[in-house]
Amino acid sequence: MMFLGVLIFGCTPKAVVQTEHHGLQYFNRCIAQESDIYTINLAKGVTLKELLADIGLANGYSTEETLVEMFKREGIQIDVKEDYSVQVELVSLDGVGTYQDLMLNLDTMGMRPATLEELLVFAKKYPHLQQFYTIWALGTVWKDEDGVENVFYLSFYEKRELSRESISELPHISGQYRILAVRK
């Protein structure tokens, strides 16, 4: 069974292209304009606490626990081995698919999903975009204590939040959802 994506709303593309994966799935992808490309810089040795400082993000799962406390309790760490700068895009993939389908589609486009640390730097540098889109970082997969694989995303429901979602429960990533992606 094939699903055909619909026109991507909330995107001002140069063009909309359609890609196919193994004959199973179609996605429409919004090709970014120059203004839709953002530069972020990461510093060697930056800590999670430093990335979260003054960022204004709430824990999307708990009002009683800060993000720093949650990451520490869950054993989530980051490891930036060198200073680097990357250009990221907010990619809209319109279609129904699995996490693996999304990864194949990004790879076909010459992109990789952003990591948690890239998402946090993006959130700090471009906080206004979080009011328009739910922004997913599919490049960091974290297993919780039950062995469930999760990915992180930024959202805005009364306040800016960082939350996580099981890979098996990923929503239909279209409309107001964007994947933060890095050109390879």
C-alpha atoms as a PDB file:
ATOM      1  CA  MET A   1       0.000   0.000   0.000  1.00  0.00           C
ATOM      2  CA  MET A   2       1.389   3.407  -0.945  1.00  0.00           C
ATOM      3  CA  PHE A   3       0.653   6.698   0.762  1.00  0.00           C
ATOM      4  CA  LEU A   4       0.971   9.916  -1.173  1.00  0.00           C
ATOM      5  CA  GLY A   5       1.924  13.030   0.754  1.00  0.00           C
ATOM      6  CA  VAL A   6      -0.108  16.183   0.403  1.00  0.00           C
ATOM      7  CA  LEU A   7       1.021  19.741  -0.148  1.00  0.00           C
ATOM      8  CA  ILE A   8       3.207  20.950   2.681  1.00  0.00           C
ATOM      9  CA  PHE A   9       1.642  23.828   4.576  1.00  0.00           C
ATOM     10  CA  GLY A  10       3.642  26.403   6.494  1.00  0.00           C
ATOM     11  CA  CYS A  11       6.624  26.136   4.154  1.00  0.00           C
ATOM     12  CA  THR A  12       7.835  28.560   1.533  1.00  0.00           C
ATOM     13  CA  PRO A  13       9.813  26.224  -0.688  1.00  0.00           C
ATOM     14  CA  LYS A  14      11.808  26.846  -3.815  1.00  0.00           C
ATOM     15  CA  ALA A  15      10.303  23.536  -4.884  1.00  0.00           C
ATOM     16  CA  VAL A  16       8.544  20.539  -3.474  1.00  0.00           C
ATOM     17  CA  VAL A  17      10.044  17.219  -4.483  1.00  0.00           C
ATOM     18  CA  GLN A  18       8.759  13.723  -4.056  1.00  0.00           C
ATOM     19  CA  THR A  19      10.992  10.814  -3.123  1.00  0.00           C
ATOM     20  CA  GLU A  20      10.375   7.102  -2.936  1.00  0.00           C
ATOM     21  CA  HIS A  21      11.920   4.516  -0.620  1.00  0.00           C
ATOM     22  CA  HIS A  22      12.143   0.952  -1.817  1.00  0.00           C
ATOM     23  CA  GLY A  23       8.841   1.365  -3.637  1.00  0.00           C
ATOM     24  CA  LEU A  24       6.992   1.427  -0.309  1.00  0.00           C
ATOM     25  CA  GLN A  25       6.611   5.010   0.770  1.00  0.00           C
ATOM     26  CA  TYR A  26       6.299   8.472  -0.738  1.00  0.00           C
ATOM     27  CA  PHE A  27       7.198  11.667   1.046  1.00  0.00           C
ATOM     28  CA  ASN A  28       7.028  15.253  -0.082  1.00  0.00           C
ATOM     29  CA  ARG A  29       9.923  17.359   1.075  1.00  0.00           C
ATOM     30  CA  CYS A  30      10.047  21.083   1.248  1.00  0.00           C
ATOM     31  CA  ILE A  31      13.329  22.288  -0.289  1.00  0.00           C
ATOM     32  CA  ALA A  32      14.595  25.115   1.881  1.00  0.00           C
ATOM     33  CA  GLN A  33      15.161  28.630   0.696  1.00  0.00           C
ATOM     34  CA  GLU A  34      18.380  30.349   1.752  1.00  0.00           C
ATOM     35  CA  SER A  35      16.488  31.995   4.626  1.00  0.00           C
ATOM     36  CA  ASP A  36      15.427  28.556   5.903  1.00  0.00           C
ATOM     37  CA  ILE A  37      19.028  27.495   6.605  1.00  0.00           C
ATOM     38  CA  TYR A  38      20.437  28.211  10.064  1.00  0.00           C
ATOM     39  CA  THR A  39      23.999  28.061  11.386  1.00  0.00           C
ATOM     40  CA  ILE A  40      24.768  26.660  14.820  1.00  0.00           C
ATOM     41  CA  ASN A  41      28.108  26.347  16.619  1.00  0.00           C
ATOM     42  CA  LEU A  42      29.080  23.776  19.226  1.00  0.00           C
ATOM     43  CA  ALA A  43      32.117  24.045  21.482  1.00  0.00           C
ATOM     44  CA  LYS A  44      34.354  21.152  22.448  1.00  0.00           C
ATOM     45  CA  GLY A  45      33.595  19.841  25.927  1.00  0.00           C
ATOM     46  CA  VAL A  46      30.321  21.751  26.364  1.00  0.00           C
ATOM     47  CA  THR A  47      28.173  20.145  29.039  1.00  0.00           C
ATOM     48  CA  LEU A  48      24.463  19.447  29.077  1.00  0.00           C
ATOM     49  CA  LYS A  49      24.102  21.822  32.025  1.00  0.00           C
ATOM     50  CA  GLU A  50      25.800  24.580  30.001  1.00  0.00           C
ATOM     51  CA  LEU A  51      23.578  23.923  26.988  1.00  0.00           C
ATOM     52  CA  LEU A  52      20.455  24.100  29.147  1.00  0.00           C
ATOM     53  CA  ALA A  53      21.514  27.215  31.089  1.00  0.00           C
ATOM     54  CA  ASP A  54      19.330  30.241  30.368  1.00  0.00           C
ATOM     55  CA  ILE A  55      17.604  28.437  27.521  1.00  0.00           C
ATOM     56  CA  GLY A  56      14.151  28.758  29.083  1.00  0.00           C
ATOM     57  CA  LEU A  57      13.013  25.232  28.305  1.00  0.00           C
ATOM     58  CA  ALA A  58      10.709  23.370  30.635  1.00  0.00           C
ATOM     59  CA  ASN A  59      10.637  19.616  31.125  1.00  0.00           C
ATOM     60  CA  GLY A  60       7.711  18.516  28.962  1.00  0.00           C
ATOM     61  CA  TYR A  61       7.103  15.523  31.223  1.00  0.00           C
ATOM     62  CA  SER A  62       7.471  16.868  34.739  1.00  0.00           C
ATOM     63  CA  THR A  63       6.782  20.171  36.436  1.00  0.00           C
ATOM     64  CA  GLU A  64       8.648  18.950  39.518  1.00  0.00           C
ATOM     65  CA  GLU A  65      11.948  18.052  37.881  1.00  0.00           C
ATOM     66  CA  THR A  66      14.239  20.315  35.857  1.00  0.00           C
ATOM     67  CA  LEU A  67      15.681  19.080  32.576  1.00  0.00           C
ATOM     68  CA  VAL A  68      19.154  18.920  34.136  1.00  0.00           C
ATOM     69  CA  GLU A  69      17.803  16.716  36.953  1.00  0.00           C
ATOM     70  CA  MET A  70      15.921  14.509  34.482  1.00  0.00           C
ATOM     71  CA  PHE A  71      18.954  14.050  32.230  1.00  0.00           C
ATOM     72  CA  LYS A  72      21.158  13.229  35.221  1.00  0.00           C
ATOM     73  CA  ARG A  73      18.640  10.718  36.612  1.00  0.00           C
ATOM     74  CA  GLU A  74      18.201   9.073  33.199  1.00  0.00           C
ATOM     75  CA  GLY A  75      21.958   8.988  32.516  1.00  0.00           C
ATOM     76  CA  ILE A  76      21.671  11.086  29.339  1.00  0.00           C
ATOM     77  CA  GLN A  77      25.024  12.645  28.442  1.00  0.00           C
ATOM     78  CA  ILE A  78      26.520  14.502  25.534  1.00  0.00           C
ATOM     79  CA  ASP A  79      30.037  14.371  24.194  1.00  0.00           C
ATOM     80  CA  VAL A  80      31.203  17.153  21.885  1.00  0.00           C
ATOM     81  CA  LYS A  81      34.732  16.083  20.905  1.00  0.00           C
ATOM     82  CA  GLU A  82      35.684  19.190  18.916  1.00  0.00           C
ATOM     83  CA  ASP A  83      34.474  22.677  18.065  1.00  0.00           C
ATOM     84  CA  TYR A  84      32.266  22.621  14.995  1.00  0.00           C
ATOM     85  CA  SER A  85      29.782  24.646  13.045  1.00  0.00           C
ATOM     86  CA  VAL A  86      26.975  23.200  10.918  1.00  0.00           C
ATOM     87  CA  GLN A  87      24.139  24.464   8.825  1.00  0.00           C
ATOM     88  CA  VAL A  88      20.784  23.002   9.755  1.00  0.00           C
ATOM     89  CA  GLU A  89      17.409  23.065   8.072  1.00  0.00           C
ATOM     90  CA  LEU A  90      13.896  22.570   9.315  1.00  0.00           C
ATOM     91  CA  VAL A  91      12.730  19.808   7.002  1.00  0.00           C
ATOM     92  CA  SER A  92       9.099  18.965   6.452  1.00  0.00           C
ATOM     93  CA  LEU A  93       8.507  15.385   5.351  1.00  0.00           C
ATOM     94  CA  ASP A  94       4.864  14.852   4.586  1.00  0.00           C
ATOM     95  CA  GLY A  95       3.936  11.203   4.739  1.00  0.00           C
ATOM     96  CA  VAL A  96       3.186   8.340   7.008  1.00  0.00           C
ATOM     97  CA  GLY A  97       6.259   6.344   7.854  1.00  0.00           C
ATOM     98  CA  THR A  98       8.411   4.717  10.447  1.00  0.00           C
ATOM     99  CA  TYR A  99      11.556   6.080  12.056  1.00  0.00           C
ATOM    100  CA  GLN A 100      13.574   3.957   9.602  1.00  0.00           C
ATOM    101  CA  ASP A 101      11.618   5.445   6.658  1.00  0.00           C
ATOM    102  CA  LEU A 102      12.428   8.949   7.902  1.00  0.00           C
ATOM    103  CA  MET A 103      16.137   8.090   8.260  1.00  0.00           C
ATOM    104  CA  LEU A 104      16.265   6.635   4.731  1.00  0.00           C
ATOM    105  CA  ASN A 105      14.524   9.702   3.344  1.00  0.00           C
ATOM    106  CA  LEU A 106      16.956  12.101   5.034  1.00  0.00           C
ATOM    107  CA  ASP A 107      19.904  10.027   3.801  1.00  0.00           C
ATOM    108  CA  THR A 108      18.528  10.096   0.252  1.00  0.00           C
ATOM    109  CA  MET A 109      18.423  13.898   0.494  1.00  0.00           C
ATOM    110  CA  GLY A 110      22.071  14.027   1.607  1.00  0.00           C
ATOM    111  CA  MET A 111      21.139  14.918   5.166  1.00  0.00           C
ATOM    112  CA  ARG A 112      21.379  13.439   8.632  1.00  0.00           C
ATOM    113  CA  PRO A 113      19.122  14.098  11.607  1.00  0.00           C
ATOM    114  CA  ALA A 114      20.334  16.586  14.211  1.00  0.00           C
ATOM    115  CA  THR A 115      21.531  15.348  17.598  1.00  0.00           C
ATOM    116  CA  LEU A 116      20.212  16.389  20.996  1.00  0.00           C
ATOM    117  CA  GLU A 117      23.091  18.829  21.508  1.00  0.00           C
ATOM    118  CA  GLU A 118      22.472  20.400  18.085  1.00  0.00           C
ATOM    119  CA  LEU A 119      18.771  20.721  18.951  1.00  0.00           C
ATOM    120  CA  LEU A 120      19.600  22.482  22.234  1.00  0.00           C
ATOM    121  CA  VAL A 121      22.003  24.935  20.563  1.00  0.00           C
ATOM    122  CA  PHE A 122      19.350  25.592  17.899  1.00  0.00           C
ATOM    123  CA  ALA A 123      16.716  26.185  20.621  1.00  0.00           C
ATOM    124  CA  LYS A 124      18.976  28.683  22.354  1.00  0.00           C
ATOM    125  CA  LYS A 125      19.927  30.573  19.184  1.00  0.00           C
ATOM    126  CA  TYR A 126      16.518  30.527  17.441  1.00  0.00           C
ATOM    127  CA  PRO A 127      13.886  30.397  20.221  1.00  0.00           C
ATOM    128  CA  HIS A 128      11.179  32.106  18.148  1.00  0.00           C
ATOM    129  CA  LEU A 129      10.923  29.179  15.704  1.00  0.00           C
ATOM    130  CA  GLN A 130       9.702  26.913  18.476  1.00  0.00           C
ATOM    131  CA  GLN A 131       6.496  28.948  18.605  1.00  0.00           C
ATOM    132  CA  PHE A 132       5.683  27.941  15.018  1.00  0.00           C
ATOM    133  CA  TYR A 133       6.865  24.337  14.805  1.00  0.00           C
ATOM    134  CA  THR A 134       7.367  21.213  16.852  1.00  0.00           C
ATOM    135  CA  ILE A 135      11.031  20.508  16.061  1.00  0.00           C
ATOM    136  CA  TRP A 136      12.358  16.940  16.208  1.00  0.00           C
ATOM    137  CA  ALA A 137      15.980  15.800  16.740  1.00  0.00           C
ATOM    138  CA  LEU A 138      15.952  12.252  15.454  1.00  0.00           C
ATOM    139  CA  GLY A 139      19.750  11.837  15.611  1.00  0.00           C
ATOM    140  CA  THR A 140      19.932  11.024  19.327  1.00  0.00           C
ATOM    141  CA  VAL A 141      18.079   7.871  20.295  1.00  0.00           C
ATOM    142  CA  TRP A 142      17.890   7.236  24.013  1.00  0.00           C
ATOM    143  CA  LYS A 143      16.642   4.057  25.692  1.00  0.00           C
ATOM    144  CA  ASP A 144      14.698   4.573  28.904  1.00  0.00           C
ATOM    145  CA  GLU A 145      14.765   2.183  31.869  1.00  0.00           C
ATOM    146  CA  ASP A 146      12.103   0.016  30.173  1.00  0.00           C
ATOM    147  CA  GLY A 147      14.231  -0.323  27.022  1.00  0.00           C
ATOM    148  CA  VAL A 148      11.936   1.920  24.957  1.00  0.00           C
ATOM    149  CA  GLU A 149      13.790   3.962  22.318  1.00  0.00           C
ATOM    150  CA  ASN A 150      12.982   7.689  22.475  1.00  0.00           C
ATOM    151  CA  VAL A 151      13.847  10.809  20.497  1.00  0.00           C
ATOM    152  CA  PHE A 152      13.700  14.440  21.648  1.00  0.00           C
ATOM    153  CA  TYR A 153      11.659  17.351  20.367  1.00  0.00           C
ATOM    154  CA  LEU A 154      10.959  21.016  21.100  1.00  0.00           C
ATOM    155  CA  SER A 155       7.382  22.193  21.449  1.00  0.00           C
ATOM    156  CA  PHE A 156       5.424  25.217  22.605  1.00  0.00           C
ATOM    157  CA  TYR A 157       2.295  24.728  24.721  1.00  0.00           C
ATOM    158  CA  GLU A 158       1.950  27.842  26.883  1.00  0.00           C
ATOM    159  CA  LYS A 159       5.749  27.699  27.370  1.00  0.00           C
ATOM    160  CA  ARG A 160       8.798  26.341  25.533  1.00  0.00           C
ATOM    161  CA  GLU A 161       9.349  22.678  26.323  1.00  0.00           C
ATOM    162  CA  LEU A 162      11.753  19.873  25.563  1.00  0.00           C
ATOM    163  CA  SER A 163      10.076  16.471  25.530  1.00  0.00           C
ATOM    164  CA  ARG A 164      10.713  12.956  24.304  1.00  0.00           C
ATOM    165  CA  GLU A 165       8.655  10.444  22.390  1.00  0.00           C
ATOM    166  CA  SER A 166       8.980   6.749  21.709  1.00  0.00           C
ATOM    167  CA  ILE A 167      10.216   5.973  18.202  1.00  0.00           C
ATOM    168  CA  SER A 168       7.311   3.580  17.800  1.00  0.00           C
ATOM    169  CA  GLU A 169       4.864   6.392  18.634  1.00  0.00           C
ATOM    170  CA  LEU A 170       6.230   9.066  16.277  1.00  0.00           C
ATOM    171  CA  PRO A 171       3.379  11.166  14.942  1.00  0.00           C
ATOM    172  CA  HIS A 172       2.609  11.831  11.323  1.00  0.00           C
ATOM    173  CA  ILE A 173       5.480  14.300  10.832  1.00  0.00           C
ATOM    174  CA  SER A 174       3.890  16.955   8.630  1.00  0.00           C
ATOM    175  CA  GLY A 175       2.118  20.267   8.987  1.00  0.00           C
ATOM    176  CA  GLN A 176       3.596  22.034  11.997  1.00  0.00           C
ATOM    177  CA  TYR A 177       6.192  19.304  12.631  1.00  0.00           C
ATOM    178  CA  ARG A 178       9.759  19.808  11.411  1.00  0.00           C
ATOM    179  CA  ILE A 179      12.828  17.603  11.539  1.00  0.00           C
ATOM    180  CA  LEU A 180      16.045  19.448  12.360  1.00  0.00           C
ATOM    181  CA  ALA A 181      18.490  18.101   9.765  1.00  0.00           C
ATOM    182  CA  VAL A 182      22.152  18.669   8.910  1.00  0.00           C
ATOM    183  CA  ARG A 183      23.646  18.490   5.411  1.00  0.00           C
ATOM    184  CA  LYS A 184      26.244  15.714   5.145  1.00  0.00           C
END
